[in-house]
N, C-alpha and C. Protein backbone atom coordinates (compact mmCIF):
# COMPACT_ATOMS: atom_id res chain seq x y z
N MET A 1 -25.63 -19.21 70.29
CA MET A 1 -26.52 -19.53 68.83
C MET A 1 -27.30 -20.72 69.15
N LEU A 2 -26.67 -21.75 68.83
CA LEU A 2 -26.68 -22.80 68.68
C LEU A 2 -27.87 -23.32 70.09
N THR A 3 -27.92 -23.21 71.45
CA THR A 3 -28.88 -23.39 72.33
C THR A 3 -29.58 -23.01 72.12
N GLU A 4 -29.86 -21.03 72.05
CA GLU A 4 -30.86 -20.36 71.27
C GLU A 4 -31.84 -21.17 70.21
N LEU A 5 -31.24 -21.33 69.63
CA LEU A 5 -31.98 -22.09 68.35
C LEU A 5 -32.71 -23.26 68.75
N ILE A 6 -32.11 -24.29 69.74
CA ILE A 6 -32.83 -25.54 70.43
C ILE A 6 -34.06 -24.90 71.26
N ASP A 7 -33.58 -23.95 71.99
CA ASP A 7 -34.24 -23.91 73.12
C ASP A 7 -35.99 -23.07 71.82
N SER A 8 -35.84 -22.48 70.68
CA SER A 8 -36.68 -22.10 70.48
C SER A 8 -37.71 -23.81 69.57
N LEU A 9 -37.17 -24.28 69.76
CA LEU A 9 -37.84 -24.94 68.96
C LEU A 9 -39.74 -25.42 69.73
N ASN A 10 -40.37 -25.99 69.24
CA ASN A 10 -41.57 -26.76 69.48
C ASN A 10 -41.94 -27.97 69.88
N THR A 11 -40.82 -28.65 69.85
CA THR A 11 -40.78 -30.61 70.02
C THR A 11 -39.75 -30.65 71.16
N ASP A 12 -40.14 -31.74 71.28
CA ASP A 12 -39.19 -32.23 72.77
C ASP A 12 -38.38 -33.11 72.18
N PHE A 13 -37.73 -32.41 71.10
CA PHE A 13 -36.15 -32.90 69.96
C PHE A 13 -34.96 -32.07 71.34
N LYS A 14 -35.81 -31.42 71.69
CA LYS A 14 -34.72 -30.06 72.57
C LYS A 14 -34.21 -31.50 73.42
N ASP A 15 -35.27 -31.95 73.94
CA ASP A 15 -34.05 -32.97 74.93
C ASP A 15 -33.21 -33.76 74.99
N ILE A 16 -33.33 -34.52 73.30
CA ILE A 16 -31.72 -34.78 72.86
C ILE A 16 -30.78 -34.02 72.61
N LEU A 17 -31.30 -32.99 72.18
CA LEU A 17 -30.52 -31.83 71.50
C LEU A 17 -29.29 -31.19 72.05
N LYS A 18 -29.50 -31.15 73.54
CA LYS A 18 -28.78 -30.17 73.94
C LYS A 18 -27.94 -31.50 75.11
N ASN A 19 -27.26 -32.25 74.10
CA ASN A 19 -26.03 -33.01 74.78
C ASN A 19 -24.75 -32.58 75.39
N GLU A 20 -24.23 -33.60 75.61
CA GLU A 20 -23.01 -33.22 76.43
C GLU A 20 -21.99 -32.36 75.09
N TYR A 21 -22.27 -32.87 73.88
CA TYR A 21 -21.62 -32.01 72.79
C TYR A 21 -21.65 -30.86 72.45
N LEU A 22 -22.69 -30.18 73.03
CA LEU A 22 -23.04 -29.19 71.90
C LEU A 22 -22.43 -27.85 73.23
N PRO A 23 -21.73 -27.96 73.74
CA PRO A 23 -21.17 -26.82 74.16
C PRO A 23 -19.59 -26.94 73.48
N GLU A 24 -19.21 -27.34 72.80
CA GLU A 24 -17.76 -27.49 72.57
C GLU A 24 -18.13 -26.72 71.20
N LEU A 25 -18.96 -27.98 70.79
CA LEU A 25 -19.58 -27.62 69.27
C LEU A 25 -20.22 -26.21 68.85
N GLU A 26 -20.70 -26.02 69.51
CA GLU A 26 -21.81 -24.36 69.80
C GLU A 26 -20.31 -23.32 69.51
N GLU A 27 -19.01 -23.13 70.13
CA GLU A 27 -18.01 -23.01 70.34
C GLU A 27 -17.33 -22.44 68.83
N LYS A 28 -16.75 -23.29 68.01
CA LYS A 28 -16.62 -23.81 67.21
C LYS A 28 -17.53 -23.51 65.77
N LEU A 29 -18.64 -23.61 66.01
CA LEU A 29 -19.39 -23.02 64.99
C LEU A 29 -19.51 -21.54 65.12
N GLU A 30 -19.68 -21.20 66.16
CA GLU A 30 -19.55 -19.34 66.55
C GLU A 30 -18.31 -19.32 65.77
N ALA A 31 -17.55 -20.17 65.72
CA ALA A 31 -15.95 -19.62 65.42
C ALA A 31 -16.09 -19.73 63.63
N GLU A 32 -16.51 -20.62 63.45
CA GLU A 32 -16.69 -20.75 61.80
C GLU A 32 -17.96 -19.51 61.08
N TYR A 33 -18.13 -18.98 61.94
CA TYR A 33 -19.37 -17.53 61.18
C TYR A 33 -18.33 -16.68 61.44
N GLU A 34 -17.66 -16.34 62.64
CA GLU A 34 -16.94 -15.35 62.07
C GLU A 34 -15.94 -14.58 61.64
N LYS A 35 -15.15 -15.81 61.42
CA LYS A 35 -13.81 -16.45 60.43
C LYS A 35 -14.57 -15.90 59.21
N PHE A 36 -15.77 -16.43 58.79
CA PHE A 36 -16.28 -16.25 57.12
C PHE A 36 -17.38 -15.49 56.70
N GLU A 37 -17.38 -14.53 58.02
CA GLU A 37 -18.64 -13.58 57.88
C GLU A 37 -18.11 -12.33 56.71
N GLY A 38 -19.07 -12.25 56.30
CA GLY A 38 -19.26 -11.24 54.65
C GLY A 38 -18.38 -11.78 53.65
N CYS A 39 -17.73 -13.22 53.67
CA CYS A 39 -17.22 -13.81 52.07
C CYS A 39 -17.54 -14.55 51.98
N ILE A 40 -17.93 -15.68 52.88
CA ILE A 40 -18.68 -17.01 52.36
C ILE A 40 -19.48 -17.15 53.34
N ASP A 41 -20.77 -17.72 52.59
CA ASP A 41 -21.93 -17.96 53.67
C ASP A 41 -21.72 -19.83 53.56
N ILE A 42 -22.74 -19.75 54.92
CA ILE A 42 -22.71 -20.91 55.70
C ILE A 42 -24.46 -21.55 55.53
N TYR A 43 -24.81 -22.40 54.87
CA TYR A 43 -25.95 -22.60 54.73
C TYR A 43 -26.26 -24.29 56.00
N PRO A 44 -27.62 -24.51 55.60
CA PRO A 44 -29.02 -23.27 55.37
C PRO A 44 -28.62 -22.05 56.46
N PRO A 45 -29.71 -21.28 55.90
CA PRO A 45 -29.41 -20.09 57.41
C PRO A 45 -29.80 -20.56 58.39
N GLN A 46 -29.65 -19.61 59.77
CA GLN A 46 -29.53 -20.33 60.70
C GLN A 46 -30.92 -20.28 61.55
N ASN A 47 -31.98 -20.19 60.96
CA ASN A 47 -33.22 -20.83 61.70
C ASN A 47 -33.79 -22.38 61.54
N LEU A 48 -33.24 -22.12 59.83
CA LEU A 48 -32.77 -23.97 59.90
C LEU A 48 -32.72 -24.53 60.33
N ILE A 49 -31.29 -24.50 60.76
CA ILE A 49 -30.73 -25.36 61.02
C ILE A 49 -31.04 -26.66 61.61
N PHE A 50 -31.79 -26.71 63.58
CA PHE A 50 -33.14 -27.29 63.06
C PHE A 50 -33.96 -27.73 62.88
N ASN A 51 -33.95 -27.69 61.33
CA ASN A 51 -35.71 -27.36 61.01
C ASN A 51 -36.30 -28.65 60.99
N ALA A 52 -35.46 -30.10 60.93
CA ALA A 52 -35.88 -31.25 60.87
C ALA A 52 -36.82 -31.68 61.45
N PHE A 53 -36.15 -31.06 63.32
CA PHE A 53 -35.96 -31.43 64.11
C PHE A 53 -37.55 -30.61 65.09
N ASN A 54 -37.85 -29.90 64.25
CA ASN A 54 -39.39 -28.95 64.68
C ASN A 54 -40.56 -29.07 63.75
N GLN A 55 -41.18 -30.25 63.68
CA GLN A 55 -41.89 -30.93 62.73
C GLN A 55 -42.82 -32.05 63.48
N PHE A 56 -42.25 -32.56 64.66
CA PHE A 56 -42.99 -33.40 65.59
C PHE A 56 -42.00 -33.64 66.66
N ASN A 57 -42.78 -34.26 67.40
CA ASN A 57 -42.00 -34.92 69.06
C ASN A 57 -41.14 -36.55 69.07
N ILE A 58 -40.62 -36.69 69.55
CA ILE A 58 -39.83 -37.81 69.42
C ILE A 58 -40.27 -38.80 69.10
N ASN A 59 -41.27 -39.35 69.95
CA ASN A 59 -42.25 -40.40 70.06
C ASN A 59 -43.62 -40.39 68.55
N ASP A 60 -43.19 -39.61 68.04
CA ASP A 60 -43.98 -39.55 66.42
C ASP A 60 -43.33 -39.31 65.65
N CYS A 61 -42.19 -39.64 65.77
CA CYS A 61 -41.13 -39.68 64.63
C CYS A 61 -41.06 -41.48 64.10
N ARG A 62 -41.80 -42.10 63.09
CA ARG A 62 -41.71 -43.10 62.52
C ARG A 62 -40.37 -43.30 61.59
N VAL A 63 -39.92 -42.64 60.86
CA VAL A 63 -39.08 -42.93 60.00
C VAL A 63 -37.36 -41.79 59.95
N LEU A 64 -36.58 -42.63 60.14
CA LEU A 64 -35.38 -41.49 59.71
C LEU A 64 -34.51 -41.89 58.75
N ILE A 65 -34.69 -40.95 57.25
CA ILE A 65 -33.58 -40.95 56.31
C ILE A 65 -32.43 -39.96 56.81
N LEU A 66 -31.31 -41.11 56.96
CA LEU A 66 -30.31 -39.85 56.97
C LEU A 66 -29.38 -40.04 56.07
N GLY A 67 -28.76 -37.84 55.95
CA GLY A 67 -28.23 -36.91 54.48
C GLY A 67 -27.00 -37.46 55.28
N GLN A 68 -25.64 -36.70 54.53
CA GLN A 68 -24.79 -36.65 55.30
C GLN A 68 -24.55 -35.21 55.39
N ASP A 69 -24.83 -34.15 53.96
CA ASP A 69 -25.01 -33.12 54.74
C ASP A 69 -25.46 -31.39 53.91
N PRO A 70 -25.92 -30.89 54.01
CA PRO A 70 -27.21 -29.30 53.75
C PRO A 70 -26.24 -29.47 52.37
N TYR A 71 -27.37 -29.17 51.26
CA TYR A 71 -26.32 -28.81 49.99
C TYR A 71 -26.19 -27.09 50.10
N ILE A 72 -24.91 -27.25 49.06
CA ILE A 72 -24.29 -26.75 49.27
C ILE A 72 -23.99 -24.84 48.38
N ASN A 73 -24.84 -24.96 47.51
CA ASN A 73 -25.62 -23.57 46.83
C ASN A 73 -26.12 -23.13 47.03
N LYS A 74 -26.72 -21.77 46.93
CA LYS A 74 -27.58 -20.89 47.67
C LYS A 74 -29.22 -21.32 46.96
N GLY A 75 -30.11 -21.22 48.13
CA GLY A 75 -30.85 -21.43 48.43
C GLY A 75 -31.37 -22.49 48.20
N GLU A 76 -30.91 -23.39 48.37
CA GLU A 76 -31.39 -24.83 48.53
C GLU A 76 -31.41 -25.53 49.94
N ALA A 77 -30.28 -25.56 50.83
CA ALA A 77 -30.37 -26.05 52.09
C ALA A 77 -31.84 -25.65 52.71
N MET A 78 -32.46 -25.83 53.25
CA MET A 78 -33.71 -25.93 53.96
C MET A 78 -33.99 -27.24 55.24
N GLY A 79 -32.45 -27.59 55.77
CA GLY A 79 -32.33 -27.96 57.11
C GLY A 79 -33.38 -29.46 57.14
N LEU A 80 -33.35 -30.03 55.52
CA LEU A 80 -33.96 -31.39 55.37
C LEU A 80 -33.64 -32.33 54.93
N CYS A 81 -32.51 -33.14 55.04
CA CYS A 81 -32.21 -34.06 53.98
C CYS A 81 -32.55 -33.89 52.79
N PHE A 82 -31.94 -33.78 51.21
CA PHE A 82 -32.30 -33.96 50.17
C PHE A 82 -33.57 -33.47 49.70
N SER A 83 -34.43 -32.38 50.21
CA SER A 83 -35.37 -31.84 49.94
C SER A 83 -34.40 -30.50 49.75
N VAL A 84 -35.12 -29.43 48.66
CA VAL A 84 -34.87 -27.99 47.85
C VAL A 84 -36.49 -27.12 48.33
N PRO A 85 -36.91 -26.30 47.90
CA PRO A 85 -37.70 -25.70 47.86
C PRO A 85 -37.64 -25.63 46.30
N ASN A 86 -39.43 -25.02 45.97
CA ASN A 86 -39.28 -25.89 44.59
C ASN A 86 -38.95 -24.88 43.74
N GLU A 87 -38.19 -23.66 43.69
CA GLU A 87 -38.09 -22.80 42.86
C GLU A 87 -36.53 -23.11 42.82
N CYS A 88 -36.16 -23.99 43.39
CA CYS A 88 -34.91 -24.42 43.50
C CYS A 88 -34.80 -25.61 41.46
N PRO A 89 -33.53 -25.41 40.97
CA PRO A 89 -33.11 -26.88 40.47
C PRO A 89 -33.15 -28.02 41.01
N MET A 90 -33.35 -29.06 40.18
CA MET A 90 -33.50 -30.37 41.02
C MET A 90 -32.31 -30.67 41.27
N PRO A 91 -31.79 -31.08 42.63
CA PRO A 91 -30.19 -31.59 42.81
C PRO A 91 -30.65 -33.26 42.35
N PRO A 92 -28.84 -33.97 41.96
CA PRO A 92 -28.92 -35.11 41.52
C PRO A 92 -30.10 -36.23 42.38
N SER A 93 -29.36 -36.05 43.68
CA SER A 93 -30.15 -36.92 43.97
C SER A 93 -31.43 -37.47 44.14
N LEU A 94 -31.53 -36.30 44.79
CA LEU A 94 -33.49 -35.44 44.69
C LEU A 94 -34.06 -36.36 43.08
N ARG A 95 -33.67 -36.27 41.98
CA ARG A 95 -34.36 -36.65 40.96
C ARG A 95 -34.24 -37.75 40.75
N ASN A 96 -32.66 -38.59 41.04
CA ASN A 96 -32.83 -40.71 41.14
C ASN A 96 -33.74 -40.83 42.05
N ILE A 97 -34.37 -40.14 43.62
CA ILE A 97 -35.19 -40.56 44.83
C ILE A 97 -36.82 -40.35 43.70
N PHE A 98 -36.20 -39.46 43.12
CA PHE A 98 -37.85 -39.14 42.82
C PHE A 98 -38.03 -40.92 41.49
N LYS A 99 -37.14 -41.08 40.83
CA LYS A 99 -37.04 -42.31 39.41
C LYS A 99 -37.65 -43.36 40.39
N GLU A 100 -36.95 -43.35 41.39
CA GLU A 100 -37.08 -44.99 42.30
C GLU A 100 -38.71 -44.75 43.18
N LEU A 101 -39.60 -43.61 43.40
CA LEU A 101 -40.65 -43.56 43.58
C LEU A 101 -40.84 -44.47 42.17
N GLU A 102 -40.88 -43.87 41.32
CA GLU A 102 -42.13 -44.17 39.93
C GLU A 102 -41.86 -45.27 40.06
N LEU A 103 -40.44 -46.19 39.98
CA LEU A 103 -40.16 -47.22 39.78
C LEU A 103 -41.15 -48.20 40.90
N GLU A 104 -41.59 -47.77 41.44
CA GLU A 104 -42.27 -48.34 42.85
C GLU A 104 -43.44 -47.99 42.65
N TYR A 105 -43.86 -46.94 42.19
CA TYR A 105 -45.42 -46.78 42.58
C TYR A 105 -45.91 -46.43 40.86
N GLY A 106 -45.08 -45.76 39.74
CA GLY A 106 -46.03 -45.29 38.83
C GLY A 106 -45.82 -44.11 38.23
N THR A 107 -46.06 -44.00 40.01
CA THR A 107 -46.06 -41.98 39.76
C THR A 107 -44.86 -41.00 40.25
N LEU A 108 -45.31 -40.22 39.32
CA LEU A 108 -43.98 -39.26 39.07
C LEU A 108 -44.16 -38.04 40.25
N ARG A 109 -43.37 -37.95 40.94
CA ARG A 109 -43.34 -37.29 42.13
C ARG A 109 -42.19 -35.59 41.15
N THR A 110 -43.51 -34.23 41.30
CA THR A 110 -42.69 -33.15 41.44
C THR A 110 -42.36 -32.24 42.32
N ASN A 111 -43.02 -32.38 43.83
CA ASN A 111 -42.87 -31.39 44.59
C ASN A 111 -41.71 -31.87 45.12
N LYS A 112 -40.73 -30.77 45.01
CA LYS A 112 -39.35 -30.97 45.34
C LYS A 112 -39.06 -30.72 47.11
N ASP A 113 -40.17 -29.66 47.29
CA ASP A 113 -39.87 -29.89 49.04
C ASP A 113 -40.73 -31.04 49.60
N LEU A 114 -39.87 -31.76 50.37
CA LEU A 114 -40.39 -32.89 51.26
C LEU A 114 -40.85 -32.34 52.47
N SER A 115 -41.15 -31.31 52.53
CA SER A 115 -42.15 -30.99 53.98
C SER A 115 -43.19 -31.64 54.29
N ASP A 116 -44.07 -32.29 52.91
CA ASP A 116 -45.12 -33.61 53.28
C ASP A 116 -45.13 -34.56 53.88
N TRP A 117 -43.50 -35.37 53.70
CA TRP A 117 -42.75 -36.34 54.57
C TRP A 117 -42.99 -36.04 56.06
N THR A 118 -42.50 -35.25 56.13
CA THR A 118 -41.98 -34.82 57.59
C THR A 118 -43.16 -34.23 58.55
N GLN A 119 -44.12 -34.14 57.81
CA GLN A 119 -45.61 -33.62 58.42
C GLN A 119 -46.27 -35.39 58.67
N GLN A 120 -45.77 -36.43 58.55
CA GLN A 120 -45.87 -37.64 58.35
C GLN A 120 -45.27 -38.35 59.50
N GLY A 121 -44.30 -37.78 59.62
CA GLY A 121 -43.48 -38.28 60.54
C GLY A 121 -42.41 -38.63 60.07
N VAL A 122 -41.67 -38.56 59.33
CA VAL A 122 -40.09 -38.88 58.87
C VAL A 122 -39.68 -37.61 58.82
N LEU A 123 -38.58 -38.53 59.65
CA LEU A 123 -37.33 -37.21 60.62
C LEU A 123 -35.93 -36.87 59.27
N MET A 124 -35.82 -35.71 58.40
CA MET A 124 -35.29 -35.91 57.13
C MET A 124 -33.94 -35.42 57.50
N MET A 125 -32.77 -36.32 58.78
CA MET A 125 -31.77 -35.55 59.10
C MET A 125 -30.36 -35.87 58.49
N ASN A 126 -29.99 -34.72 58.83
CA ASN A 126 -28.58 -34.86 57.79
C ASN A 126 -27.42 -34.73 59.39
N ALA A 127 -26.42 -35.29 58.61
CA ALA A 127 -25.50 -35.68 59.94
C ALA A 127 -24.65 -34.74 60.30
N SER A 128 -24.15 -33.66 59.37
CA SER A 128 -24.29 -32.34 59.67
C SER A 128 -24.76 -31.32 59.44
N LEU A 129 -25.24 -30.70 60.24
CA LEU A 129 -26.80 -29.47 59.82
C LEU A 129 -26.14 -28.02 59.32
N THR A 130 -24.39 -28.40 59.15
CA THR A 130 -24.49 -26.70 58.40
C THR A 130 -23.33 -27.13 57.43
N VAL A 131 -22.80 -25.98 56.71
CA VAL A 131 -22.13 -26.62 55.17
C VAL A 131 -21.01 -24.79 54.99
N LEU A 132 -20.14 -25.35 54.51
CA LEU A 132 -19.80 -24.10 54.06
C LEU A 132 -20.06 -23.97 52.53
N ALA A 133 -20.38 -22.80 51.81
CA ALA A 133 -20.93 -22.50 50.65
C ALA A 133 -19.62 -23.22 49.57
N GLY A 134 -19.93 -23.75 48.81
CA GLY A 134 -19.07 -24.94 47.58
C GLY A 134 -18.55 -25.76 47.87
N LYS A 135 -18.85 -26.10 49.26
CA LYS A 135 -17.54 -27.38 50.19
C LYS A 135 -18.43 -28.65 51.29
N SER A 136 -18.51 -28.93 50.11
CA SER A 136 -19.24 -30.40 50.52
C SER A 136 -18.35 -30.94 52.24
N ASN A 137 -19.14 -31.57 52.77
CA ASN A 137 -18.84 -32.64 53.75
C ASN A 137 -17.85 -31.43 54.87
N TYR A 138 -17.45 -29.78 54.66
CA TYR A 138 -16.94 -29.21 55.47
C TYR A 138 -16.49 -29.08 56.64
N HIS A 139 -18.10 -29.36 57.66
CA HIS A 139 -18.43 -29.53 58.73
C HIS A 139 -18.44 -30.37 59.37
N ALA A 140 -18.21 -31.71 58.37
CA ALA A 140 -18.65 -33.04 59.16
C ALA A 140 -18.47 -33.40 60.28
N LYS A 141 -16.56 -33.01 60.40
CA LYS A 141 -15.86 -33.19 61.90
C LYS A 141 -16.36 -32.62 62.93
N LEU A 142 -17.08 -31.35 62.73
CA LEU A 142 -17.71 -30.89 63.48
C LEU A 142 -18.59 -31.49 64.03
N TRP A 143 -20.09 -31.86 63.74
CA TRP A 143 -20.52 -32.16 63.82
C TRP A 143 -20.64 -33.28 64.81
N LYS A 144 -19.58 -34.42 64.15
CA LYS A 144 -19.90 -35.69 64.20
C LYS A 144 -20.56 -36.36 65.50
N ASN A 145 -19.65 -35.67 66.54
CA ASN A 145 -19.58 -36.58 67.89
C ASN A 145 -21.24 -36.14 68.82
N TYR A 146 -21.32 -34.80 67.84
CA TYR A 146 -22.82 -34.16 68.73
C TYR A 146 -23.79 -35.45 67.80
N THR A 147 -24.10 -35.14 66.60
CA THR A 147 -24.80 -36.08 65.50
C THR A 147 -25.16 -37.51 65.81
N ASP A 148 -23.97 -37.74 66.12
CA ASP A 148 -24.03 -39.36 66.15
C ASP A 148 -24.84 -39.77 68.14
N LYS A 149 -24.62 -38.41 68.58
CA LYS A 149 -25.28 -39.32 69.84
C LYS A 149 -27.09 -38.34 69.97
N VAL A 150 -27.15 -37.99 69.08
CA VAL A 150 -28.40 -37.34 68.72
C VAL A 150 -29.27 -38.80 68.71
N ILE A 151 -28.82 -39.41 67.30
CA ILE A 151 -29.12 -40.32 67.14
C ILE A 151 -28.96 -41.66 67.39
N SER A 152 -28.09 -42.05 68.62
CA SER A 152 -28.42 -42.64 70.07
C SER A 152 -28.91 -42.55 70.92
N ASP A 153 -29.47 -41.59 70.51
CA ASP A 153 -30.42 -41.46 72.14
C ASP A 153 -31.86 -41.15 71.36
N LEU A 154 -32.28 -40.57 70.37
CA LEU A 154 -33.43 -41.11 70.00
C LEU A 154 -33.54 -42.44 69.41
N SER A 155 -32.76 -43.04 69.24
CA SER A 155 -33.15 -44.58 69.07
C SER A 155 -33.72 -45.38 70.60
N LYS A 156 -32.85 -44.84 71.79
CA LYS A 156 -33.48 -46.11 72.68
C LYS A 156 -34.76 -44.66 73.50
N ARG A 157 -34.77 -43.58 72.53
CA ARG A 157 -35.73 -43.23 73.59
C ARG A 157 -37.11 -43.16 72.50
N ASN A 158 -37.14 -43.47 71.77
CA ASN A 158 -38.24 -44.15 70.28
C ASN A 158 -37.57 -45.60 69.72
N PRO A 159 -37.88 -46.50 70.79
CA PRO A 159 -37.24 -47.72 69.73
C PRO A 159 -38.15 -48.43 68.24
N ASN A 160 -38.87 -47.21 67.67
CA ASN A 160 -40.15 -48.08 66.90
C ASN A 160 -39.52 -47.32 65.23
N ILE A 161 -38.66 -46.77 65.28
CA ILE A 161 -38.71 -45.74 64.27
C ILE A 161 -37.72 -46.92 62.92
N ILE A 162 -37.98 -46.79 61.94
CA ILE A 162 -37.71 -47.18 60.89
C ILE A 162 -36.29 -46.38 60.74
N TYR A 163 -35.41 -46.91 60.25
CA TYR A 163 -34.02 -46.40 60.21
C TYR A 163 -33.64 -46.20 58.44
N VAL A 164 -33.74 -45.04 57.31
CA VAL A 164 -33.34 -45.44 56.02
C VAL A 164 -31.82 -44.89 55.63
N LEU A 165 -30.76 -46.00 55.26
CA LEU A 165 -29.58 -45.93 55.25
C LEU A 165 -28.64 -45.82 53.93
N TRP A 166 -28.63 -45.11 53.02
CA TRP A 166 -28.03 -44.81 51.88
C TRP A 166 -26.76 -45.00 52.06
N GLY A 167 -26.02 -45.35 51.15
CA GLY A 167 -24.56 -45.45 51.37
C GLY A 167 -23.97 -45.52 52.23
N ARG A 168 -22.69 -45.54 52.06
CA ARG A 168 -21.59 -46.14 53.23
C ARG A 168 -21.31 -45.57 54.17
N PHE A 169 -21.59 -44.63 53.20
CA PHE A 169 -21.39 -42.97 55.17
C PHE A 169 -22.40 -43.19 55.67
N ALA A 170 -24.30 -43.26 55.59
CA ALA A 170 -25.00 -43.08 56.35
C ALA A 170 -24.74 -44.92 57.11
N GLN A 171 -24.62 -45.83 56.28
CA GLN A 171 -24.15 -47.22 56.68
C GLN A 171 -23.78 -47.36 58.12
N ASP A 172 -22.76 -46.24 58.32
CA ASP A 172 -21.22 -46.56 58.75
C ASP A 172 -22.42 -46.17 60.56
N LYS A 173 -23.82 -46.11 60.31
CA LYS A 173 -23.96 -44.93 61.71
C LYS A 173 -24.95 -46.00 62.40
N GLU A 174 -25.11 -47.13 61.51
CA GLU A 174 -25.93 -48.04 62.09
C GLU A 174 -25.57 -48.92 63.46
N LYS A 175 -24.82 -48.88 63.58
CA LYS A 175 -23.52 -48.67 65.16
C LYS A 175 -24.58 -48.26 66.15
N LEU A 176 -24.80 -47.30 65.95
CA LEU A 176 -25.30 -46.07 66.87
C LEU A 176 -27.11 -46.47 67.01
N ILE A 177 -27.74 -47.38 66.59
CA ILE A 177 -28.87 -47.89 66.52
C ILE A 177 -29.08 -48.16 67.59
N ASN A 178 -29.77 -48.44 68.66
CA ASN A 178 -29.63 -49.25 69.77
C ASN A 178 -31.16 -49.84 69.86
N LYS A 179 -32.37 -49.75 69.40
CA LYS A 179 -33.68 -50.61 69.05
C LYS A 179 -34.00 -49.70 67.40
N GLY A 180 -34.71 -50.86 66.83
CA GLY A 180 -34.93 -50.13 65.51
C GLY A 180 -34.73 -51.20 64.02
N THR A 181 -35.58 -50.26 63.13
CA THR A 181 -35.74 -51.36 61.80
C THR A 181 -34.83 -50.29 61.16
N VAL A 182 -33.73 -51.61 60.43
CA VAL A 182 -32.92 -50.07 59.58
C VAL A 182 -33.20 -51.14 57.88
N ILE A 183 -33.16 -50.53 57.23
CA ILE A 183 -32.64 -50.41 55.73
C ILE A 183 -32.46 -49.49 54.95
N LYS A 184 -31.55 -50.36 54.64
CA LYS A 184 -29.72 -50.10 53.86
C LYS A 184 -30.05 -50.44 53.00
N GLY A 185 -29.19 -50.01 51.73
CA GLY A 185 -28.77 -49.70 50.46
C GLY A 185 -27.72 -49.08 49.81
N VAL A 186 -27.80 -48.60 48.63
CA VAL A 186 -26.70 -47.98 47.30
C VAL A 186 -27.24 -46.44 47.75
N HIS A 187 -26.63 -45.56 47.96
CA HIS A 187 -27.03 -44.07 47.93
C HIS A 187 -27.57 -43.46 46.61
N PRO A 188 -28.28 -42.67 45.99
CA PRO A 188 -28.99 -42.25 44.90
C PRO A 188 -28.41 -41.63 44.30
N SER A 189 -27.46 -41.32 45.13
CA SER A 189 -26.07 -40.61 43.83
C SER A 189 -26.10 -40.83 42.13
N PRO A 190 -25.79 -40.00 41.50
CA PRO A 190 -26.11 -40.28 39.99
C PRO A 190 -24.45 -41.34 39.90
N LEU A 191 -23.41 -41.13 40.72
CA LEU A 191 -22.19 -42.12 41.05
C LEU A 191 -22.64 -43.50 41.23
N SER A 192 -23.54 -43.95 41.96
CA SER A 192 -24.13 -44.86 42.51
C SER A 192 -25.47 -45.80 42.37
N ALA A 193 -26.59 -44.56 41.58
CA ALA A 193 -28.01 -45.48 41.89
C ALA A 193 -28.26 -46.23 41.01
N SER A 194 -27.06 -46.59 39.50
CA SER A 194 -27.56 -47.35 39.20
C SER A 194 -27.21 -48.99 39.61
N ARG A 195 -26.21 -49.00 40.87
CA ARG A 195 -25.71 -50.21 40.97
C ARG A 195 -26.36 -50.95 42.26
N GLY A 196 -27.76 -50.28 41.98
CA GLY A 196 -28.65 -51.21 43.49
C GLY A 196 -29.78 -50.23 44.15
N PHE A 197 -29.43 -48.38 43.78
CA PHE A 197 -30.40 -48.09 44.14
C PHE A 197 -32.22 -47.47 43.10
N PHE A 198 -31.46 -47.78 41.96
CA PHE A 198 -33.12 -48.05 41.42
C PHE A 198 -33.77 -49.48 41.41
N GLY A 199 -35.14 -49.92 41.75
CA GLY A 199 -35.05 -51.36 41.82
C GLY A 199 -35.31 -51.19 43.67
N CYS A 200 -34.47 -50.46 44.46
CA CYS A 200 -34.03 -51.26 45.45
C CYS A 200 -35.70 -51.57 46.62
N ASN A 201 -37.10 -50.64 45.86
CA ASN A 201 -38.15 -50.87 46.76
C ASN A 201 -38.38 -50.31 48.31
N HIS A 202 -37.64 -50.19 48.51
CA HIS A 202 -36.94 -49.05 49.72
C HIS A 202 -38.70 -48.47 50.11
N PHE A 203 -39.04 -47.30 49.63
CA PHE A 203 -40.36 -46.98 50.29
C PHE A 203 -41.56 -47.57 50.59
N LYS A 204 -41.44 -49.03 50.02
CA LYS A 204 -42.51 -49.76 49.64
C LYS A 204 -41.82 -50.59 51.01
N GLN A 205 -41.16 -51.31 51.31
CA GLN A 205 -40.45 -51.52 52.56
C GLN A 205 -40.51 -50.89 53.91
N VAL A 206 -40.59 -49.86 53.20
CA VAL A 206 -41.11 -48.91 54.51
C VAL A 206 -42.33 -48.95 55.16
N ASN A 207 -43.17 -48.78 53.82
CA ASN A 207 -44.67 -48.41 54.33
C ASN A 207 -45.34 -50.38 54.74
N GLU A 208 -44.38 -51.52 54.53
CA GLU A 208 -45.29 -52.14 54.64
C GLU A 208 -44.86 -52.68 56.49
N LYS A 209 -43.71 -51.95 57.13
CA LYS A 209 -43.40 -52.21 58.04
C LYS A 209 -44.40 -50.87 59.03
N LEU A 210 -44.81 -50.20 58.56
CA LEU A 210 -45.61 -49.42 59.09
C LEU A 210 -47.74 -49.24 59.40
N GLU A 211 -48.21 -49.35 60.12
CA GLU A 211 -49.59 -49.75 60.43
C GLU A 211 -50.43 -48.23 59.35
N THR A 212 -49.86 -47.13 59.06
CA THR A 212 -50.42 -45.86 57.94
C THR A 212 -49.17 -46.03 57.45
N PRO A 213 -49.01 -45.95 56.48
CA PRO A 213 -48.53 -45.72 55.21
C PRO A 213 -47.68 -43.99 55.07
N ILE A 214 -46.46 -43.91 54.68
CA ILE A 214 -46.17 -42.62 53.65
C ILE A 214 -46.75 -42.64 52.50
N GLU A 215 -47.61 -41.06 52.64
CA GLU A 215 -48.51 -41.01 51.41
C GLU A 215 -46.92 -39.79 50.89
N TRP A 216 -46.11 -40.94 50.17
CA TRP A 216 -44.71 -40.86 49.17
C TRP A 216 -45.35 -39.12 48.24
N PHE A 217 -45.98 -38.95 47.90
CA PHE A 217 -46.37 -38.19 47.00
C PHE A 217 -48.15 -37.24 47.41
C-alpha cells in the first residue's frame, strides 16, 4: 500500500521515501489496518499519508516545519503538520501559531488550511505519518526509523533547507540534519506556548534567511 502511494507521487521525493525501512514499515502498517478495520479509524485517509511530499520537488524545499503526528479527530488530519481543513474547529496549537504570527506581523490569519505554505516550498512534515483515532503518538515507533532516514537523506540532497523545530521532540531530530539552518524553540502547545513560543519571532527569522520571503498570510 505505501509503495503504491509513493509511486503515485508527482515529485522526486519518491527517491528518498523508498528507503530501506519501507518494507518493514509497510508490513507492520498493513497489519494495523487489518487489526482495526471496521472498528477504529487510522488518520489521515490513505491518499493523504504522503501529502506533504507531493507539493514540490526536493530542491524546491525551502523550509521544513516538523510536527509529531497527525491530528486524532475525524476530518482534521490532512497530511500536513498543524494544518486542518477550514471547516474543522481550530486546534489549540494552530491557534497559538496564528497568535504568534499576529504578534510578529500585526495581522491575524484565519485560514486553517496551510496548503498555501506548501505551495511556497514549506514541507509540513510529521515524524509519524499515521495515527490511530483518539490515540496520540500511537504509531510513533512504527514510523521512527523510516522518517528519521527521510529527514537525514533530505538534508543531504538539499543543504539549503531551514528547519523549524518546536519542542523537545522535534529538537531531538536535529542530530539527523547533515546541512541546513536550524531554528528551534518552545512548542506552540497550550502547555508550553507561554514559556517562550510567544515572542519567538521564528516566522520573521525564517524570512530573514530567504531571498524570497514566505507569505504567511
